[in-house]
């Protein structure tokens, strides 16, 4: 499965999360209003992170999981973004063991 995560670039807080399963890449996936974490109001730009998840524990590293992140925040409402998962997943939101 694939987990898409929107992160506030200032606070590093996860503000939205979308889990897509099964994953058959390449695939077009939308992250939208239904994926916003409870109590959040979103505006502005956010970091987009993608992680494959084989065992149901998003931030626990399992061999074979991969990671990708856009280098800069993306404004909400952007219609199409290409996110490439091209790194082995090492853990944490920013692909390092936190």
C-alpha atoms as a PDB file:
ATOM      1  CA  UNK A   1       0.000   0.000   0.000  1.00  0.00           C
ATOM      2  CA  UNK A   2       1.007   3.625  -0.459  1.00  0.00           C
ATOM      3  CA  UNK A   3       0.726   6.334   2.175  1.00  0.00           C
ATOM      4  CA  UNK A   4       0.613   9.963   0.989  1.00  0.00           C
ATOM      5  CA  UNK A   5       1.245  12.528   3.702  1.00  0.00           C
ATOM      6  CA  UNK A   6       0.860  16.325   3.712  1.00  0.00           C
ATOM      7  CA  UNK A   7       3.135  18.047   6.224  1.00  0.00           C
ATOM      8  CA  UNK A   8       3.038  21.640   7.414  1.00  0.00           C
ATOM      9  CA  UNK A   9       6.496  22.965   6.433  1.00  0.00           C
ATOM     10  CA  UNK A  10       6.674  25.315   9.435  1.00  0.00           C
ATOM     11  CA  UNK A  11       5.637  22.989  12.251  1.00  0.00           C
ATOM     12  CA  UNK A  12       6.498  19.627  10.590  1.00  0.00           C
ATOM     13  CA  UNK A  13       3.055  18.375  11.719  1.00  0.00           C
ATOM     14  CA  UNK A  14       1.159  15.857   9.609  1.00  0.00           C
ATOM     15  CA  UNK A  15      -2.045  17.580   8.469  1.00  0.00           C
ATOM     16  CA  UNK A  16      -3.466  15.019   6.020  1.00  0.00           C
ATOM     17  CA  UNK A  17      -2.899  11.379   5.218  1.00  0.00           C
ATOM     18  CA  UNK A  18      -4.188   9.116   2.448  1.00  0.00           C
ATOM     19  CA  UNK A  19      -3.676   5.349   2.346  1.00  0.00           C
ATOM     20  CA  UNK A  20      -4.117   3.692  -1.025  1.00  0.00           C
ATOM     21  CA  UNK A  21      -4.264  -0.075  -1.288  1.00  0.00           C
ATOM     22  CA  UNK A  22      -3.527  -2.039  -3.322  1.00  0.00           C
ATOM     23  CA  UNK A  23      -0.792  -0.072  -5.061  1.00  0.00           C
ATOM     24  CA  UNK A  24      -0.120  -0.828  -8.695  1.00  0.00           C
ATOM     25  CA  UNK A  25       2.357   1.831  -9.900  1.00  0.00           C
ATOM     26  CA  UNK A  26       2.317   4.105 -11.745  1.00  0.00           C
ATOM     27  CA  UNK A  27      -0.939   5.367 -10.347  1.00  0.00           C
ATOM     28  CA  UNK A  28      -2.830   8.630 -10.007  1.00  0.00           C
ATOM     29  CA  UNK A  29      -3.971   9.258  -6.442  1.00  0.00           C
ATOM     30  CA  UNK A  30      -5.718  12.306  -5.039  1.00  0.00           C
ATOM     31  CA  UNK A  31      -5.350  13.558  -1.500  1.00  0.00           C
ATOM     32  CA  UNK A  32      -8.331  15.695  -0.602  1.00  0.00           C
ATOM     33  CA  UNK A  33     -10.650  17.099   2.028  1.00  0.00           C
ATOM     34  CA  UNK A  34     -11.636  13.648   3.312  1.00  0.00           C
ATOM     35  CA  UNK A  35      -7.962  12.955   4.153  1.00  0.00           C
ATOM     36  CA  UNK A  36      -7.443  15.995   6.420  1.00  0.00           C
ATOM     37  CA  UNK A  37      -6.762  15.009  10.017  1.00  0.00           C
ATOM     38  CA  UNK A  38      -9.481  15.977  12.457  1.00  0.00           C
ATOM     39  CA  UNK A  39      -9.603  19.567  13.588  1.00  0.00           C
ATOM     40  CA  UNK A  40      -7.326  20.940  10.840  1.00  0.00           C
ATOM     41  CA  UNK A  41      -8.034  23.765   8.434  1.00  0.00           C
ATOM     42  CA  UNK A  42      -5.678  23.848   5.491  1.00  0.00           C
ATOM     43  CA  UNK A  43      -4.484  26.768   3.409  1.00  0.00           C
ATOM     44  CA  UNK A  44      -1.184  27.604   1.777  1.00  0.00           C
ATOM     45  CA  UNK A  45       1.515  25.146   0.750  1.00  0.00           C
ATOM     46  CA  UNK A  46       2.543  21.764   2.166  1.00  0.00           C
ATOM     47  CA  UNK A  47       5.280  19.189   1.812  1.00  0.00           C
ATOM     48  CA  UNK A  48       4.170  16.013   0.043  1.00  0.00           C
ATOM     49  CA  UNK A  49       5.691  12.726   1.179  1.00  0.00           C
ATOM     50  CA  UNK A  50       5.035   9.216  -0.107  1.00  0.00           C
ATOM     51  CA  UNK A  51       5.969   5.965   1.634  1.00  0.00           C
ATOM     52  CA  UNK A  52       5.151   2.393   0.712  1.00  0.00           C
ATOM     53  CA  UNK A  53       3.972   0.360   3.672  1.00  0.00           C
ATOM     54  CA  UNK A  54       4.144  -3.430   3.699  1.00  0.00           C
ATOM     55  CA  UNK A  55       3.207  -4.186   7.308  1.00  0.00           C
ATOM     56  CA  UNK A  56       0.616  -1.615   8.394  1.00  0.00           C
ATOM     57  CA  UNK A  57       3.043   0.343  10.568  1.00  0.00           C
ATOM     58  CA  UNK A  58       3.736   3.455   8.538  1.00  0.00           C
ATOM     59  CA  UNK A  59       6.938   4.652  10.193  1.00  0.00           C
ATOM     60  CA  UNK A  60       8.426   1.276  11.037  1.00  0.00           C
ATOM     61  CA  UNK A  61      11.028   0.269   8.470  1.00  0.00           C
ATOM     62  CA  UNK A  62      10.443  -2.993   6.641  1.00  0.00           C
ATOM     63  CA  UNK A  63      12.889  -4.197   3.961  1.00  0.00           C
ATOM     64  CA  UNK A  64      11.639  -3.309   0.490  1.00  0.00           C
ATOM     65  CA  UNK A  65       9.718  -0.166   1.442  1.00  0.00           C
ATOM     66  CA  UNK A  66      10.487   2.983  -0.546  1.00  0.00           C
ATOM     67  CA  UNK A  67      10.203   6.728   0.073  1.00  0.00           C
ATOM     68  CA  UNK A  68       9.825   9.921  -1.947  1.00  0.00           C
ATOM     69  CA  UNK A  69       9.380  13.590  -1.114  1.00  0.00           C
ATOM     70  CA  UNK A  70       8.994  16.766  -3.094  1.00  0.00           C
ATOM     71  CA  UNK A  71      11.899  19.142  -2.326  1.00  0.00           C
ATOM     72  CA  UNK A  72       9.693  22.197  -1.783  1.00  0.00           C
ATOM     73  CA  UNK A  73       6.159  22.793  -0.466  1.00  0.00           C
ATOM     74  CA  UNK A  74       3.322  22.570  -2.987  1.00  0.00           C
ATOM     75  CA  UNK A  75       0.325  24.937  -2.953  1.00  0.00           C
ATOM     76  CA  UNK A  76      -3.036  23.342  -2.228  1.00  0.00           C
ATOM     77  CA  UNK A  77      -5.182  22.942  -5.307  1.00  0.00           C
ATOM     78  CA  UNK A  78      -2.282  21.980  -7.556  1.00  0.00           C
ATOM     79  CA  UNK A  79      -3.884  19.671 -10.070  1.00  0.00           C
ATOM     80  CA  UNK A  80      -1.109  17.249 -10.827  1.00  0.00           C
ATOM     81  CA  UNK A  81       2.207  16.512  -9.183  1.00  0.00           C
ATOM     82  CA  UNK A  82       4.642  13.766 -10.035  1.00  0.00           C
ATOM     83  CA  UNK A  83       6.050  12.160  -6.918  1.00  0.00           C
ATOM     84  CA  UNK A  84       8.775   9.573  -7.453  1.00  0.00           C
ATOM     85  CA  UNK A  85       9.492   7.047  -4.711  1.00  0.00           C
ATOM     86  CA  UNK A  86      13.180   6.549  -5.409  1.00  0.00           C
ATOM     87  CA  UNK A  87      14.848   6.063  -2.009  1.00  0.00           C
ATOM     88  CA  UNK A  88      14.900   3.106   0.354  1.00  0.00           C
ATOM     89  CA  UNK A  89      12.763   3.944   3.368  1.00  0.00           C
ATOM     90  CA  UNK A  90      14.928   4.482   6.477  1.00  0.00           C
ATOM     91  CA  UNK A  91      12.202   5.696   8.854  1.00  0.00           C
ATOM     92  CA  UNK A  92      10.480   8.861  10.055  1.00  0.00           C
ATOM     93  CA  UNK A  93       8.738  11.611   8.113  1.00  0.00           C
ATOM     94  CA  UNK A  94      11.964  12.886   6.595  1.00  0.00           C
ATOM     95  CA  UNK A  95      13.471   9.461   5.843  1.00  0.00           C
ATOM     96  CA  UNK A  96      15.749   9.275   8.802  1.00  0.00           C
ATOM     97  CA  UNK A  97      15.339   7.535  12.094  1.00  0.00           C
ATOM     98  CA  UNK A  98      13.928  10.200  14.439  1.00  0.00           C
END
